[in-house]
Amino acid sequence: MIISRFQGAARMLFSAALLCALNACTTPAAKENLSSAAETSTVPRVAGTIARVNSDFDFVLVRCNLPPLPESLAEIYRDGERIGLIEFKARSTHPYYAADVLSGTLRKGDIAAYRD
C-alpha cells in the first residue's frame, strides 16, 4: 500500500516535470505566433448539422454534440459557403435542438457553426 502511494506521487511529479520541460522548449516567438494565429482564426466553431427542416414554419432541428445556449446564433454552411442564419430556441431533447430560420434556404445535412 505504501509502495503504491509512492508510485502515484512519483508519477505525478514526473508528469509535472515533463509538462514544465515541454513548456520551456517553446520559444517566446513561437508562443507569440501561436497566440496571434488563434486570435485571427476564421474557422467557425461547429455547432452541429441540420437533421430536419420544416419550411412551413421556418424552423430546423439541429443535431448537436453539446447543447447550444438559448437565443444563440449560428451560421449555416453548405460546401464551404455561408447560406443562412438560425437562432436556437429553448432547450430541447439532446441531441436535437430547435432553431428558427432567420435567413436562407436550408436542407438536411447543412453545417451549423456558432456565430462569434
Protein backbone atom coordinates (compact mmCIF):
# COMPACT_ATOMS: atom_id res chain seq x y z
CA MET A 1 0.00 0.00 0.00
CA ILE A 2 2.79 2.43 0.86
CA ILE A 3 4.64 1.47 -2.31
CA SER A 4 1.60 2.16 -4.50
CA ARG A 5 1.17 5.63 -2.91
CA PHE A 6 4.82 6.35 -3.56
CA GLN A 7 4.48 5.27 -7.19
CA GLY A 8 1.45 7.52 -7.66
CA ALA A 9 3.28 10.52 -6.20
CA ALA A 10 6.34 9.76 -8.32
CA ARG A 11 4.19 9.63 -11.47
CA MET A 12 2.61 12.98 -10.64
CA LEU A 13 6.00 14.59 -10.08
CA PHE A 14 7.34 13.12 -13.32
CA SER A 15 4.28 14.38 -15.24
CA ALA A 16 4.63 17.87 -13.77
CA ALA A 17 8.34 17.97 -14.62
CA LEU A 18 7.63 16.79 -18.16
CA LEU A 19 4.99 19.48 -18.70
CA CYS A 20 7.36 22.16 -17.43
CA ALA A 21 10.12 20.91 -19.71
CA LEU A 22 7.83 20.87 -22.75
CA ASN A 23 6.65 24.39 -22.00
CA ALA A 24 10.26 25.56 -21.70
CA CYS A 25 11.05 24.11 -25.15
CA THR A 26 8.67 26.57 -26.79
CA THR A 27 10.41 29.83 -27.65
CA PRO A 28 8.73 33.17 -26.89
CA ALA A 29 8.46 33.85 -30.64
CA ALA A 30 6.69 30.54 -31.21
CA LYS A 31 4.29 31.28 -28.34
CA GLU A 32 3.52 34.69 -29.87
CA ASN A 33 2.86 33.13 -33.29
CA LEU A 34 0.51 30.56 -31.76
CA SER A 35 -1.47 33.17 -29.85
CA SER A 36 -1.78 35.50 -32.85
CA ALA A 37 -2.88 32.60 -35.07
CA ALA A 38 -5.57 31.67 -32.54
CA GLU A 39 -6.82 35.27 -32.40
CA THR A 40 -7.07 35.65 -36.20
CA SER A 41 -8.54 32.23 -36.92
CA THR A 42 -11.58 32.33 -39.19
CA VAL A 43 -12.51 28.69 -38.67
CA PRO A 44 -16.05 28.62 -37.23
CA ARG A 45 -16.89 26.52 -34.19
CA VAL A 46 -19.23 23.80 -35.47
CA ALA A 47 -22.50 23.57 -33.57
CA GLY A 48 -23.92 20.57 -35.43
CA THR A 49 -25.70 19.50 -38.58
CA ILE A 50 -29.25 20.15 -39.77
CA ALA A 51 -31.25 17.00 -39.12
CA ARG A 52 -34.73 18.16 -40.20
CA VAL A 53 -36.16 21.22 -41.93
CA ASN A 54 -39.73 22.48 -41.57
CA SER A 55 -40.07 25.15 -44.26
CA ASP A 56 -43.77 25.72 -43.49
CA PHE A 57 -42.97 27.10 -40.02
CA ASP A 58 -39.37 28.22 -40.70
CA PHE A 59 -37.59 26.09 -38.12
CA VAL A 60 -34.99 23.34 -38.13
CA LEU A 61 -33.79 20.61 -35.81
CA VAL A 62 -30.03 20.62 -35.37
CA ARG A 63 -28.13 17.57 -34.14
CA CYS A 64 -25.51 18.88 -31.68
CA ASN A 65 -22.92 17.15 -29.52
CA LEU A 66 -23.06 19.96 -26.94
CA PRO A 67 -26.25 21.83 -26.09
CA PRO A 68 -26.35 25.36 -27.54
CA LEU A 69 -27.36 28.29 -25.39
CA PRO A 70 -30.91 29.53 -25.97
CA GLU A 71 -31.04 32.56 -28.30
CA SER A 72 -27.52 31.90 -29.64
CA LEU A 73 -26.98 32.45 -33.35
CA ALA A 74 -25.41 30.01 -35.78
CA GLU A 75 -24.43 30.49 -39.39
CA ILE A 76 -25.32 27.74 -41.85
CA TYR A 77 -22.78 26.47 -44.36
CA ARG A 78 -23.08 24.23 -47.40
CA ASP A 79 -19.99 23.28 -49.40
CA GLY A 80 -17.96 25.91 -47.53
CA GLU A 81 -20.35 28.76 -48.44
CA ARG A 82 -22.43 30.63 -45.86
CA ILE A 83 -26.05 30.18 -46.89
CA GLY A 84 -28.14 31.14 -43.86
CA LEU A 85 -28.59 32.05 -40.23
CA ILE A 86 -30.52 30.36 -37.41
CA GLU A 87 -31.33 31.20 -33.79
CA PHE A 88 -31.52 28.41 -31.23
CA LYS A 89 -34.59 28.43 -29.03
CA ALA A 90 -35.35 26.90 -25.63
CA ARG A 91 -33.58 23.67 -24.75
CA SER A 92 -34.78 20.54 -26.46
CA THR A 93 -34.12 16.83 -26.09
CA HIS A 94 -30.42 16.00 -26.53
CA PRO A 95 -29.01 15.67 -29.20
CA TYR A 96 -31.68 17.54 -31.23
CA TYR A 97 -32.23 21.27 -30.70
CA ALA A 98 -34.85 23.51 -32.33
CA ALA A 99 -33.85 26.73 -34.07
CA ASP A 100 -35.71 29.40 -36.02
CA VAL A 101 -34.54 30.08 -39.57
CA LEU A 102 -33.65 33.77 -39.83
CA SER A 103 -32.33 33.65 -43.40
CA GLY A 104 -31.52 31.23 -46.19
CA THR A 105 -32.98 28.08 -47.70
CA LEU A 106 -31.68 25.23 -45.60
CA ARG A 107 -31.67 21.50 -46.12
CA LYS A 108 -30.76 18.36 -44.23
CA GLY A 109 -27.00 17.90 -43.83
CA ASP A 110 -26.07 21.61 -43.81
CA ILE A 111 -23.49 22.57 -41.19
CA ALA A 112 -24.37 24.95 -38.34
CA ALA A 113 -21.46 26.96 -36.90
CA TYR A 114 -21.64 29.33 -33.93
CA ARG A 115 -21.52 32.98 -34.80
CA ASP A 116 -18.99 34.95 -32.73
